[in-house]
Amino acid sequence: MNKSELIEALAVKKNISFKKAEEIINTIFDSMATAMLADERIEIRGFGSFVVKEYKAYTGRNPKTGEAIAVSPKKLPFFKVGKELKERVAE
């Protein structure tokens, strides 16, 4: 499912306009992005949690040449699936 399909599903399920559903979905995603930029954890019970993981700098290798390269420290979003969702998918 992509964002457009999610908007359409919300519009159909709640009998609202596509424009209103798009506004709701965008508000949710924007709020989640803002929280993650502030290093906040997002937890949706039964679904999973989103956190920002910090990775330290390290020396990597260029796979083509084998040359050592310095990889800068970085922050990346990480999703951990919740127990309930994991069990439902595994059925």
PDB file of N, CA and C in Angstrom:
ATOM      1  N   MET A   1       0.851  -1.178   0.000  1.00  0.00           N
ATOM      2  CA  MET A   1       0.000   0.000   0.000  1.00  0.00           C
ATOM      3  C   MET A   1       0.891   1.232   0.000  1.00  0.00           C
ATOM      4  N   ASN A   2       0.570   2.179  -0.852  1.00  0.00           N
ATOM      5  CA  ASN A   2       1.311   3.427  -0.861  1.00  0.00           C
ATOM      6  C   ASN A   2       0.450   4.551  -0.256  1.00  0.00           C
ATOM      7  N   LYS A   3       0.996   5.746  -0.219  1.00  0.00           N
ATOM      8  CA  LYS A   3       0.305   6.865   0.433  1.00  0.00           C
ATOM      9  C   LYS A   3      -1.045   7.168  -0.225  1.00  0.00           C
ATOM     10  N   SER A   4      -1.099   7.155  -1.538  1.00  0.00           N
ATOM     11  CA  SER A   4      -2.349   7.431  -2.254  1.00  0.00           C
ATOM     12  C   SER A   4      -3.424   6.398  -1.922  1.00  0.00           C
ATOM     13  N   GLU A   5      -3.012   5.140  -1.833  1.00  0.00           N
ATOM     14  CA  GLU A   5      -3.965   4.075  -1.498  1.00  0.00           C
ATOM     15  C   GLU A   5      -4.443   4.218  -0.057  1.00  0.00           C
ATOM     16  N   LEU A   6      -3.567   4.651   0.828  1.00  0.00           N
ATOM     17  CA  LEU A   6      -3.957   4.884   2.216  1.00  0.00           C
ATOM     18  C   LEU A   6      -4.972   6.023   2.305  1.00  0.00           C
ATOM     19  N   ILE A   7      -4.739   7.090   1.581  1.00  0.00           N
ATOM     20  CA  ILE A   7      -5.667   8.227   1.552  1.00  0.00           C
ATOM     21  C   ILE A   7      -7.021   7.773   1.022  1.00  0.00           C
ATOM     22  N   GLU A   8      -7.009   7.011  -0.059  1.00  0.00           N
ATOM     23  CA  GLU A   8      -8.252   6.525  -0.653  1.00  0.00           C
ATOM     24  C   GLU A   8      -9.011   5.607   0.313  1.00  0.00           C
ATOM     25  N   ALA A   9      -8.286   4.731   0.999  1.00  0.00           N
ATOM     26  CA  ALA A   9      -8.918   3.816   1.960  1.00  0.00           C
ATOM     27  C   ALA A   9      -9.573   4.591   3.096  1.00  0.00           C
ATOM     28  N   LEU A  10      -8.906   5.624   3.586  1.00  0.00           N
ATOM     29  CA  LEU A  10      -9.471   6.461   4.648  1.00  0.00           C
ATOM     30  C   LEU A  10     -10.719   7.185   4.155  1.00  0.00           C
ATOM     31  N   ALA A  11     -10.654   7.744   2.962  1.00  0.00           N
ATOM     32  CA  ALA A  11     -11.793   8.471   2.392  1.00  0.00           C
ATOM     33  C   ALA A  11     -13.016   7.563   2.254  1.00  0.00           C
ATOM     34  N   VAL A  12     -12.790   6.339   1.768  1.00  0.00           N
ATOM     35  CA  VAL A  12     -13.893   5.397   1.573  1.00  0.00           C
ATOM     36  C   VAL A  12     -14.438   4.919   2.920  1.00  0.00           C
ATOM     37  N   LYS A  13     -13.544   4.529   3.828  1.00  0.00           N
ATOM     38  CA  LYS A  13     -13.972   3.968   5.111  1.00  0.00           C
ATOM     39  C   LYS A  13     -14.742   4.977   5.959  1.00  0.00           C
ATOM     40  N   LYS A  14     -14.289   6.224   5.954  1.00  0.00           N
ATOM     41  CA  LYS A  14     -14.921   7.248   6.791  1.00  0.00           C
ATOM     42  C   LYS A  14     -15.886   8.151   6.010  1.00  0.00           C
ATOM     43  N   ASN A  15     -16.085   7.840   4.738  1.00  0.00           N
ATOM     44  CA  ASN A  15     -17.014   8.574   3.889  1.00  0.00           C
ATOM     45  C   ASN A  15     -16.725  10.076   3.916  1.00  0.00           C
ATOM     46  N   ILE A  16     -15.465  10.412   3.672  1.00  0.00           N
ATOM     47  CA  ILE A  16     -15.056  11.812   3.597  1.00  0.00           C
ATOM     48  C   ILE A  16     -14.420  12.061   2.238  1.00  0.00           C
ATOM     49  N   SER A  17     -14.231  13.332   1.903  1.00  0.00           N
ATOM     50  CA  SER A  17     -13.654  13.657   0.605  1.00  0.00           C
ATOM     51  C   SER A  17     -12.185  13.228   0.555  1.00  0.00           C
ATOM     52  N   PHE A  18     -11.724  12.999  -0.659  1.00  0.00           N
ATOM     53  CA  PHE A  18     -10.333  12.617  -0.871  1.00  0.00           C
ATOM     54  C   PHE A  18      -9.415  13.715  -0.342  1.00  0.00           C
ATOM     55  N   LYS A  19      -9.808  14.972  -0.561  1.00  0.00           N
ATOM     56  CA  LYS A  19      -9.014  16.122  -0.114  1.00  0.00           C
ATOM     57  C   LYS A  19      -8.884  16.137   1.408  1.00  0.00           C
ATOM     58  N   LYS A  20      -9.979  15.882   2.121  1.00  0.00           N
ATOM     59  CA  LYS A  20      -9.961  15.867   3.586  1.00  0.00           C
ATOM     60  C   LYS A  20      -9.110  14.697   4.095  1.00  0.00           C
ATOM     61  N   ALA A  21      -9.252  13.545   3.455  1.00  0.00           N
ATOM     62  CA  ALA A  21      -8.464  12.372   3.844  1.00  0.00           C
ATOM     63  C   ALA A  21      -6.977  12.636   3.620  1.00  0.00           C
ATOM     64  N   GLU A  22      -6.650  13.299   2.515  1.00  0.00           N
ATOM     65  CA  GLU A  22      -5.261  13.635   2.228  1.00  0.00           C
ATOM     66  C   GLU A  22      -4.701  14.576   3.294  1.00  0.00           C
ATOM     67  N   GLU A  23      -5.500  15.531   3.703  1.00  0.00           N
ATOM     68  CA  GLU A  23      -5.100  16.482   4.742  1.00  0.00           C
ATOM     69  C   GLU A  23      -4.826  15.753   6.073  1.00  0.00           C
ATOM     70  N   ILE A  24      -5.675  14.806   6.413  1.00  0.00           N
ATOM     71  CA  ILE A  24      -5.512  14.035   7.655  1.00  0.00           C
ATOM     72  C   ILE A  24      -4.226  13.211   7.613  1.00  0.00           C
ATOM     73  N   ILE A  25      -4.005  12.484   6.525  1.00  0.00           N
ATOM     74  CA  ILE A  25      -2.819  11.648   6.386  1.00  0.00           C
ATOM     75  C   ILE A  25      -1.557  12.507   6.401  1.00  0.00           C
ATOM     76  N   ASN A  26      -1.565  13.625   5.685  1.00  0.00           N
ATOM     77  CA  ASN A  26      -0.399  14.512   5.666  1.00  0.00           C
ATOM     78  C   ASN A  26      -0.107  15.075   7.060  1.00  0.00           C
ATOM     79  N   THR A  27      -1.149  15.401   7.809  1.00  0.00           N
ATOM     80  CA  THR A  27      -0.980  15.906   9.177  1.00  0.00           C
ATOM     81  C   THR A  27      -0.329  14.839  10.056  1.00  0.00           C
ATOM     82  N   ILE A  28      -0.783  13.610   9.930  1.00  0.00           N
ATOM     83  CA  ILE A  28      -0.204  12.508  10.719  1.00  0.00           C
ATOM     84  C   ILE A  28       1.261  12.317  10.361  1.00  0.00           C
ATOM     85  N   PHE A  29       1.574  12.236   9.076  1.00  0.00           N
ATOM     86  CA  PHE A  29       2.957  12.021   8.649  1.00  0.00           C
ATOM     87  C   PHE A  29       3.855  13.190   9.046  1.00  0.00           C
ATOM     88  N   ASP A  30       3.349  14.416   8.892  1.00  0.00           N
ATOM     89  CA  ASP A  30       4.130  15.595   9.277  1.00  0.00           C
ATOM     90  C   ASP A  30       4.408  15.597  10.775  1.00  0.00           C
ATOM     91  N   SER A  31       3.419  15.224  11.568  1.00  0.00           N
ATOM     92  CA  SER A  31       3.591  15.170  13.026  1.00  0.00           C
ATOM     93  C   SER A  31       4.614  14.110  13.408  1.00  0.00           C
ATOM     94  N   MET A  32       4.567  12.974  12.737  1.00  0.00           N
ATOM     95  CA  MET A  32       5.531  11.909  13.014  1.00  0.00           C
ATOM     96  C   MET A  32       6.942  12.351  12.634  1.00  0.00           C
ATOM     97  N   ALA A  33       7.094  12.990  11.485  1.00  0.00           N
ATOM     98  CA  ALA A  33       8.412  13.458  11.044  1.00  0.00           C
ATOM     99  C   ALA A  33       8.953  14.507  12.011  1.00  0.00           C
ATOM    100  N   THR A  34       8.098  15.422  12.454  1.00  0.00           N
ATOM    101  CA  THR A  34       8.511  16.452  13.405  1.00  0.00           C
ATOM    102  C   THR A  34       8.983  15.827  14.711  1.00  0.00           C
ATOM    103  N   ALA A  35       8.247  14.834  15.190  1.00  0.00           N
ATOM    104  CA  ALA A  35       8.630  14.147  16.428  1.00  0.00           C
ATOM    105  C   ALA A  35       9.982  13.454  16.266  1.00  0.00           C
ATOM    106  N   MET A  36      10.194  12.799  15.141  1.00  0.00           N
ATOM    107  CA  MET A  36      11.452  12.096  14.929  1.00  0.00           C
ATOM    108  C   MET A  36      12.618  13.074  14.780  1.00  0.00           C
ATOM    109  N   LEU A  37      12.380  14.229  14.167  1.00  0.00           N
ATOM    110  CA  LEU A  37      13.424  15.244  14.061  1.00  0.00           C
ATOM    111  C   LEU A  37      13.824  15.766  15.441  1.00  0.00           C
ATOM    112  N   ALA A  38      12.890  15.714  16.385  1.00  0.00           N
ATOM    113  CA  ALA A  38      13.160  16.138  17.762  1.00  0.00           C
ATOM    114  C   ALA A  38      13.665  14.961  18.609  1.00  0.00           C
ATOM    115  N   ASP A  39      14.072  13.870  17.963  1.00  0.00           N
ATOM    116  CA  ASP A  39      14.574  12.660  18.634  1.00  0.00           C
ATOM    117  C   ASP A  39      13.555  12.034  19.573  1.00  0.00           C
ATOM    118  N   GLU A  40      12.280  12.182  19.258  1.00  0.00           N
ATOM    119  CA  GLU A  40      11.227  11.557  20.053  1.00  0.00           C
ATOM    120  C   GLU A  40      10.901  10.185  19.477  1.00  0.00           C
ATOM    121  N   ARG A  41      10.496   9.300  20.337  1.00  0.00           N
ATOM    122  CA  ARG A  41      10.091   7.941  19.951  1.00  0.00           C
ATOM    123  C   ARG A  41       8.592   7.966  19.664  1.00  0.00           C
ATOM    124  N   ILE A  42       8.166   7.272  18.630  1.00  0.00           N
ATOM    125  CA  ILE A  42       6.751   7.175  18.287  1.00  0.00           C
ATOM    126  C   ILE A  42       6.339   5.725  18.493  1.00  0.00           C
ATOM    127  N   GLU A  43       5.323   5.508  19.307  1.00  0.00           N
ATOM    128  CA  GLU A  43       4.849   4.149  19.557  1.00  0.00           C
ATOM    129  C   GLU A  43       3.372   4.059  19.229  1.00  0.00           C
ATOM    130  N   ILE A  44       3.034   3.119  18.367  1.00  0.00           N
ATOM    131  CA  ILE A  44       1.646   2.856  18.010  1.00  0.00           C
ATOM    132  C   ILE A  44       1.362   1.437  18.479  1.00  0.00           C
ATOM    133  N   ARG A  45       0.656   1.327  19.592  1.00  0.00           N
ATOM    134  CA  ARG A  45       0.406   0.018  20.224  1.00  0.00           C
ATOM    135  C   ARG A  45      -0.230  -0.949  19.218  1.00  0.00           C
ATOM    136  N   GLY A  46       0.289  -2.156  19.203  1.00  0.00           N
ATOM    137  CA  GLY A  46      -0.228  -3.186  18.313  1.00  0.00           C
ATOM    138  C   GLY A  46       0.327  -3.112  16.900  1.00  0.00           C
ATOM    139  N   PHE A  47       1.049  -2.031  16.588  1.00  0.00           N
ATOM    140  CA  PHE A  47       1.602  -1.857  15.249  1.00  0.00           C
ATOM    141  C   PHE A  47       3.122  -1.864  15.284  1.00  0.00           C
ATOM    142  N   GLY A  48       3.707  -0.926  16.043  1.00  0.00           N
ATOM    143  CA  GLY A  48       5.158  -0.868  16.138  1.00  0.00           C
ATOM    144  C   GLY A  48       5.618   0.480  16.646  1.00  0.00           C
ATOM    145  N   SER A  49       6.927   0.675  16.614  1.00  0.00           N
ATOM    146  CA  SER A  49       7.481   1.929  17.083  1.00  0.00           C
ATOM    147  C   SER A  49       8.546   2.430  16.115  1.00  0.00           C
ATOM    148  N   PHE A  50       8.672   3.742  16.075  1.00  0.00           N
ATOM    149  CA  PHE A  50       9.652   4.410  15.245  1.00  0.00           C
ATOM    150  C   PHE A  50      10.618   5.139  16.164  1.00  0.00           C
ATOM    151  N   VAL A  51      11.903   4.987  15.904  1.00  0.00           N
ATOM    152  CA  VAL A  51      12.928   5.694  16.664  1.00  0.00           C
ATOM    153  C   VAL A  51      14.001   6.172  15.688  1.00  0.00           C
ATOM    154  N   VAL A  52      14.791   7.117  16.153  1.00  0.00           N
ATOM    155  CA  VAL A  52      15.941   7.565  15.374  1.00  0.00           C
ATOM    156  C   VAL A  52      17.170   6.936  16.009  1.00  0.00           C
ATOM    157  N   LYS A  53      17.902   6.174  15.216  1.00  0.00           N
ATOM    158  CA  LYS A  53      19.124   5.532  15.712  1.00  0.00           C
ATOM    159  C   LYS A  53      20.326   6.348  15.243  1.00  0.00           C
ATOM    160  N   GLU A  54      21.258   6.502  16.153  1.00  0.00           N
ATOM    161  CA  GLU A  54      22.492   7.213  15.821  1.00  0.00           C
ATOM    162  C   GLU A  54      23.590   6.195  15.564  1.00  0.00           C
ATOM    163  N   TYR A  55      24.298   6.382  14.470  1.00  0.00           N
ATOM    164  CA  TYR A  55      25.401   5.507  14.106  1.00  0.00           C
ATOM    165  C   TYR A  55      26.690   6.302  14.147  1.00  0.00           C
ATOM    166  N   LYS A  56      27.711   5.743  14.767  1.00  0.00           N
ATOM    167  CA  LYS A  56      29.009   6.403  14.860  1.00  0.00           C
ATOM    168  C   LYS A  56      29.747   6.304  13.529  1.00  0.00           C
ATOM    169  N   ALA A  57      30.758   7.142  13.375  1.00  0.00           N
ATOM    170  CA  ALA A  57      31.604   7.086  12.181  1.00  0.00           C
ATOM    171  C   ALA A  57      32.387   5.773  12.191  1.00  0.00           C
ATOM    172  N   TYR A  58      32.676   5.265  11.015  1.00  0.00           N
ATOM    173  CA  TYR A  58      33.462   4.042  10.901  1.00  0.00           C
ATOM    174  C   TYR A  58      34.191   4.018   9.564  1.00  0.00           C
ATOM    175  N   THR A  59      35.121   3.101   9.445  1.00  0.00           N
ATOM    176  CA  THR A  59      35.846   2.930   8.193  1.00  0.00           C
ATOM    177  C   THR A  59      35.185   1.802   7.416  1.00  0.00           C
ATOM    178  N   GLY A  60      34.708   2.137   6.228  1.00  0.00           N
ATOM    179  CA  GLY A  60      34.066   1.143   5.369  1.00  0.00           C
ATOM    180  C   GLY A  60      34.958   0.803   4.190  1.00  0.00           C
ATOM    181  N   ARG A  61      34.445   0.014   3.298  1.00  0.00           N
ATOM    182  CA  ARG A  61      35.197  -0.389   2.107  1.00  0.00           C
ATOM    183  C   ARG A  61      34.353  -0.155   0.862  1.00  0.00           C
ATOM    184  N   ASN A  62      34.996   0.354  -0.162  1.00  0.00           N
ATOM    185  CA  ASN A  62      34.358   0.482  -1.460  1.00  0.00           C
ATOM    186  C   ASN A  62      34.280  -0.924  -2.046  1.00  0.00           C
ATOM    187  N   PRO A  63      33.068  -1.449  -2.310  1.00  0.00           N
ATOM    188  CA  PRO A  63      32.960  -2.837  -2.776  1.00  0.00           C
ATOM    189  C   PRO A  63      33.624  -3.095  -4.130  1.00  0.00           C
ATOM    190  N   LYS A  64      33.731  -2.078  -4.973  1.00  0.00           N
ATOM    191  CA  LYS A  64      34.355  -2.274  -6.287  1.00  0.00           C
ATOM    192  C   LYS A  64      35.876  -2.343  -6.187  1.00  0.00           C
ATOM    193  N   THR A  65      36.438  -1.396  -5.424  1.00  0.00           N
ATOM    194  CA  THR A  65      37.897  -1.288  -5.402  1.00  0.00           C
ATOM    195  C   THR A  65      38.537  -1.864  -4.143  1.00  0.00           C
ATOM    196  N   GLY A  66      37.743  -2.035  -3.097  1.00  0.00           N
ATOM    197  CA  GLY A  66      38.290  -2.513  -1.831  1.00  0.00           C
ATOM    198  C   GLY A  66      38.957  -1.407  -1.030  1.00  0.00           C
ATOM    199  N   GLU A  67      38.944  -0.189  -1.584  1.00  0.00           N
ATOM    200  CA  GLU A  67      39.569   0.963  -0.937  1.00  0.00           C
ATOM    201  C   GLU A  67      38.832   1.317   0.356  1.00  0.00           C
ATOM    202  N   ALA A  68      39.594   1.652   1.404  1.00  0.00           N
ATOM    203  CA  ALA A  68      39.006   2.072   2.682  1.00  0.00           C
ATOM    204  C   ALA A  68      38.449   3.483   2.533  1.00  0.00           C
ATOM    205  N   ILE A  69      37.236   3.681   3.050  1.00  0.00           N
ATOM    206  CA  ILE A  69      36.629   5.012   3.017  1.00  0.00           C
ATOM    207  C   ILE A  69      36.060   5.334   4.395  1.00  0.00           C
ATOM    208  N   ALA A  70      36.098   6.604   4.739  1.00  0.00           N
ATOM    209  CA  ALA A  70      35.557   7.053   6.023  1.00  0.00           C
ATOM    210  C   ALA A  70      34.058   7.297   5.858  1.00  0.00           C
ATOM    211  N   VAL A  71      33.258   6.677   6.716  1.00  0.00           N
ATOM    212  CA  VAL A  71      31.813   6.869   6.699  1.00  0.00           C
ATOM    213  C   VAL A  71      31.466   7.779   7.881  1.00  0.00           C
ATOM    214  N   SER A  72      30.799   8.885   7.591  1.00  0.00           N
ATOM    215  CA  SER A  72      30.455   9.874   8.612  1.00  0.00           C
ATOM    216  C   SER A  72      29.404   9.336   9.576  1.00  0.00           C
ATOM    217  N   PRO A  73      29.363   9.906  10.785  1.00  0.00           N
ATOM    218  CA  PRO A  73      28.281   9.522  11.700  1.00  0.00           C
ATOM    219  C   PRO A  73      26.943   9.956  11.100  1.00  0.00           C
ATOM    220  N   LYS A  74      25.896   9.254  11.438  1.00  0.00           N
ATOM    221  CA  LYS A  74      24.586   9.596  10.861  1.00  0.00           C
ATOM    222  C   LYS A  74      23.467   9.186  11.790  1.00  0.00           C
ATOM    223  N   LYS A  75      22.298   9.749  11.542  1.00  0.00           N
ATOM    224  CA  LYS A  75      21.067   9.385  12.239  1.00  0.00           C
ATOM    225  C   LYS A  75      20.109   8.862  11.178  1.00  0.00           C
ATOM    226  N   LEU A  76      19.482   7.725  11.471  1.00  0.00           N
ATOM    227  CA  LEU A  76      18.538   7.142  10.523  1.00  0.00           C
ATOM    228  C   LEU A  76      17.280   6.688  11.249  1.00  0.00           C
ATOM    229  N   PRO A  77      16.121   6.816  10.585  1.00  0.00           N
ATOM    230  CA  PRO A  77      14.893   6.307  11.197  1.00  0.00           C
ATOM    231  C   PRO A  77      14.904   4.788  11.206  1.00  0.00           C
ATOM    232  N   PHE A  78      14.302   4.220  12.233  1.00  0.00           N
ATOM    233  CA  PHE A  78      14.254   2.767  12.393  1.00  0.00           C
ATOM    234  C   PHE A  78      12.856   2.385  12.869  1.00  0.00           C
ATOM    235  N   PHE A  79      12.277   1.354  12.261  1.00  0.00           N
ATOM    236  CA  PHE A  79      10.957   0.866  12.648  1.00  0.00           C
ATOM    237  C   PHE A  79      11.103  -0.513  13.281  1.00  0.00           C
ATOM    238  N   LYS A  80      10.494  -0.680  14.427  1.00  0.00           N
ATOM    239  CA  LYS A  80      10.470  -1.993  15.072  1.00  0.00           C
ATOM    240  C   LYS A  80       9.017  -2.449  15.128  1.00  0.00           C
ATOM    241  N   VAL A  81       8.731  -3.577  14.504  1.00  0.00           N
ATOM    242  CA  VAL A  81       7.364  -4.086  14.438  1.00  0.00           C
ATOM    243  C   VAL A  81       6.897  -4.507  15.830  1.00  0.00           C
ATOM    244  N   GLY A  82       5.617  -4.241  16.117  1.00  0.00           N
ATOM    245  CA  GLY A  82       5.037  -4.630  17.396  1.00  0.00           C
ATOM    246  C   GLY A  82       4.684  -6.106  17.436  1.00  0.00           C
ATOM    247  N   LYS A  83       4.567  -6.630  18.638  1.00  0.00           N
ATOM    248  CA  LYS A  83       4.298  -8.059  18.821  1.00  0.00           C
ATOM    249  C   LYS A  83       2.988  -8.482  18.147  1.00  0.00           C
ATOM    250  N   GLU A  84       1.929  -7.689  18.339  1.00  0.00           N
ATOM    251  CA  GLU A  84       0.629  -8.039  17.778  1.00  0.00           C
ATOM    252  C   GLU A  84       0.654  -8.105  16.259  1.00  0.00           C
ATOM    253  N   LEU A  85       1.274  -7.118  15.616  1.00  0.00           N
ATOM    254  CA  LEU A  85       1.367  -7.110  14.146  1.00  0.00           C
ATOM    255  C   LEU A  85       2.225  -8.271  13.662  1.00  0.00           C
ATOM    256  N   LYS A  86       3.311  -8.526  14.356  1.00  0.00           N
ATOM    257  CA  LYS A  86       4.210  -9.618  13.988  1.00  0.00           C
ATOM    258  C   LYS A  86       3.454 -10.951  14.012  1.00  0.00           C
ATOM    259  N   GLU A  87       2.649 -11.154  15.046  1.00  0.00           N
ATOM    260  CA  GLU A  87       1.885 -12.388  15.168  1.00  0.00           C
ATOM    261  C   GLU A  87       0.805 -12.498  14.082  1.00  0.00           C
ATOM    262  N   ARG A  88       0.170 -11.370  13.757  1.00  0.00           N
ATOM    263  CA  ARG A  88      -0.883 -11.395  12.715  1.00  0.00           C
ATOM    264  C   ARG A  88      -0.300 -11.712  11.351  1.00  0.00           C
ATOM    265  N   VAL A  89       0.863 -11.168  11.046  1.00  0.00           N
ATOM    266  CA  VAL A  89       1.500 -11.404   9.750  1.00  0.00           C
ATOM    267  C   VAL A  89       2.008 -12.835   9.652  1.00  0.00           C
ATOM    268  N   ALA A  90       2.468 -13.396  10.765  1.00  0.00           N
ATOM    269  CA  ALA A  90       3.033 -14.742  10.772  1.00  0.00           C
ATOM    270  C   ALA A  90       1.981 -15.832  10.630  1.00  0.00           C
ATOM    271  N   GLU A  91       0.709 -15.498  10.813  1.00  0.00           N
ATOM    272  CA  GLU A  91      -0.353 -16.521  10.749  1.00  0.00           C
ATOM    273  C   GLU A  91      -0.477 -17.111   9.370  1.00  0.00           C
TER     274      GLU A  91
END
